[in-house]
Amino acid sequence: MLGNLIGGFIVILVGVTLAPTVANEVQGASDNANITGASQTIIELTTLFYCLAVASTGIGIATIGLRNSGLM
């Protein structure tokens, strides 16, 4: 149980720490490439999808730990 909770928090911590780097790279890719329209929109949403994936992964790991302990 405790291992899953700590693992979930570590996933969130590492993911949040890397979020600015992902955002900078996405911005650089959209500025340097000749991309317009729907492709530009999808590239700009990459940072949002990354943050949502990190949050859902961390919460999922923590939820598994709570289920195994019988608290949820």
C-alpha atoms as a PDB file:
ATOM      1  CA  MET A   1       0.000   0.000   0.000  1.00  0.00           C
ATOM      2  CA  LEU A   2       2.616   2.533   1.055  1.00  0.00           C
ATOM      3  CA  GLY A   3       4.764   1.661  -1.948  1.00  0.00           C
ATOM      4  CA  ASN A   4       1.917   2.429  -4.335  1.00  0.00           C
ATOM      5  CA  LEU A   5       1.153   5.728  -2.627  1.00  0.00           C
ATOM      6  CA  ILE A   6       4.795   6.792  -2.734  1.00  0.00           C
ATOM      7  CA  GLY A   7       5.046   5.596  -6.339  1.00  0.00           C
ATOM      8  CA  GLY A   8       2.012   7.678  -7.313  1.00  0.00           C
ATOM      9  CA  PHE A   9       3.470  10.777  -5.703  1.00  0.00           C
ATOM     10  CA  ILE A  10       6.834  10.187  -7.380  1.00  0.00           C
ATOM     11  CA  VAL A  11       5.146   9.875 -10.783  1.00  0.00           C
ATOM     12  CA  ILE A  12       3.311  13.149 -10.208  1.00  0.00           C
ATOM     13  CA  LEU A  13       6.445  14.881  -8.914  1.00  0.00           C
ATOM     14  CA  VAL A  14       8.617  13.816 -11.858  1.00  0.00           C
ATOM     15  CA  GLY A  15       5.862  14.585 -14.348  1.00  0.00           C
ATOM     16  CA  VAL A  16       5.234  18.067 -12.964  1.00  0.00           C
ATOM     17  CA  THR A  17       8.966  18.740 -12.914  1.00  0.00           C
ATOM     18  CA  LEU A  18       9.237  17.832 -16.599  1.00  0.00           C
ATOM     19  CA  ALA A  19       6.090  19.735 -17.675  1.00  0.00           C
ATOM     20  CA  PRO A  20       7.887  23.048 -18.378  1.00  0.00           C
ATOM     21  CA  THR A  21      10.445  21.242 -20.510  1.00  0.00           C
ATOM     22  CA  VAL A  22       7.693  19.568 -22.499  1.00  0.00           C
ATOM     23  CA  ALA A  23       5.926  22.919 -22.909  1.00  0.00           C
ATOM     24  CA  ASN A  24       9.123  24.606 -24.138  1.00  0.00           C
ATOM     25  CA  GLU A  25       9.805  21.862 -26.663  1.00  0.00           C
ATOM     26  CA  VAL A  26       6.237  21.950 -27.944  1.00  0.00           C
ATOM     27  CA  GLN A  27       6.431  25.729 -28.320  1.00  0.00           C
ATOM     28  CA  GLY A  28       9.751  25.411 -30.137  1.00  0.00           C
ATOM     29  CA  ALA A  29       8.339  22.797 -32.472  1.00  0.00           C
ATOM     30  CA  SER A  30       5.317  24.892 -33.310  1.00  0.00           C
ATOM     31  CA  ASP A  31       7.420  28.041 -33.872  1.00  0.00           C
ATOM     32  CA  ASN A  32      10.100  26.458 -36.071  1.00  0.00           C
ATOM     33  CA  ALA A  33       7.877  24.323 -38.271  1.00  0.00           C
ATOM     34  CA  ASN A  34       5.550  25.562 -40.965  1.00  0.00           C
ATOM     35  CA  ILE A  35       2.413  24.180 -39.324  1.00  0.00           C
ATOM     36  CA  THR A  36      -1.054  25.699 -39.593  1.00  0.00           C
ATOM     37  CA  GLY A  37      -4.645  24.790 -38.938  1.00  0.00           C
ATOM     38  CA  ALA A  38      -5.639  21.628 -37.144  1.00  0.00           C
ATOM     39  CA  SER A  39      -2.055  20.377 -36.891  1.00  0.00           C
ATOM     40  CA  GLN A  40      -1.064  23.524 -34.996  1.00  0.00           C
ATOM     41  CA  THR A  41      -3.968  23.073 -32.591  1.00  0.00           C
ATOM     42  CA  ILE A  42      -3.096  19.448 -31.890  1.00  0.00           C
ATOM     43  CA  ILE A  43       0.566  20.286 -31.303  1.00  0.00           C
ATOM     44  CA  GLU A  44      -0.401  23.067 -28.883  1.00  0.00           C
ATOM     45  CA  LEU A  45      -2.637  20.634 -26.954  1.00  0.00           C
ATOM     46  CA  THR A  46       0.254  18.202 -26.430  1.00  0.00           C
ATOM     47  CA  THR A  47       1.244  19.848 -23.142  1.00  0.00           C
ATOM     48  CA  LEU A  48      -2.316  19.534 -21.817  1.00  0.00           C
ATOM     49  CA  PHE A  49      -2.480  15.869 -22.764  1.00  0.00           C
ATOM     50  CA  TYR A  50       0.892  15.262 -21.121  1.00  0.00           C
ATOM     51  CA  CYS A  51      -0.228  16.845 -17.844  1.00  0.00           C
ATOM     52  CA  LEU A  52      -3.507  14.921 -17.882  1.00  0.00           C
ATOM     53  CA  ALA A  53      -1.650  11.659 -18.465  1.00  0.00           C
ATOM     54  CA  VAL A  54       0.749  12.324 -15.598  1.00  0.00           C
ATOM     55  CA  ALA A  55      -2.078  13.195 -13.217  1.00  0.00           C
ATOM     56  CA  SER A  56      -4.236  10.209 -14.163  1.00  0.00           C
ATOM     57  CA  THR A  57      -1.293   7.816 -13.883  1.00  0.00           C
ATOM     58  CA  GLY A  58      -0.329   9.077 -10.431  1.00  0.00           C
ATOM     59  CA  ILE A  59      -3.909   8.990  -9.187  1.00  0.00           C
ATOM     60  CA  GLY A  60      -4.397   5.507 -10.624  1.00  0.00           C
ATOM     61  CA  ILE A  61      -1.324   4.133  -8.887  1.00  0.00           C
ATOM     62  CA  ALA A  62      -2.369   5.705  -5.578  1.00  0.00           C
ATOM     63  CA  THR A  63      -5.909   4.340  -5.951  1.00  0.00           C
ATOM     64  CA  ILE A  64      -4.584   0.822  -6.453  1.00  0.00           C
ATOM     65  CA  GLY A  65      -2.609   1.163  -3.224  1.00  0.00           C
ATOM     66  CA  LEU A  66      -5.682   2.335  -1.332  1.00  0.00           C
ATOM     67  CA  ARG A  67      -7.764  -0.532  -2.736  1.00  0.00           C
ATOM     68  CA  ASN A  68      -5.158  -3.068  -1.694  1.00  0.00           C
ATOM     69  CA  SER A  69      -5.217  -1.706   1.861  1.00  0.00           C
ATOM     70  CA  GLY A  70      -9.005  -1.779   2.042  1.00  0.00           C
ATOM     71  CA  LEU A  71      -9.431   1.976   2.497  1.00  0.00           C
ATOM     72  CA  MET A  72     -11.256   2.369  -0.791  1.00  0.00           C
END
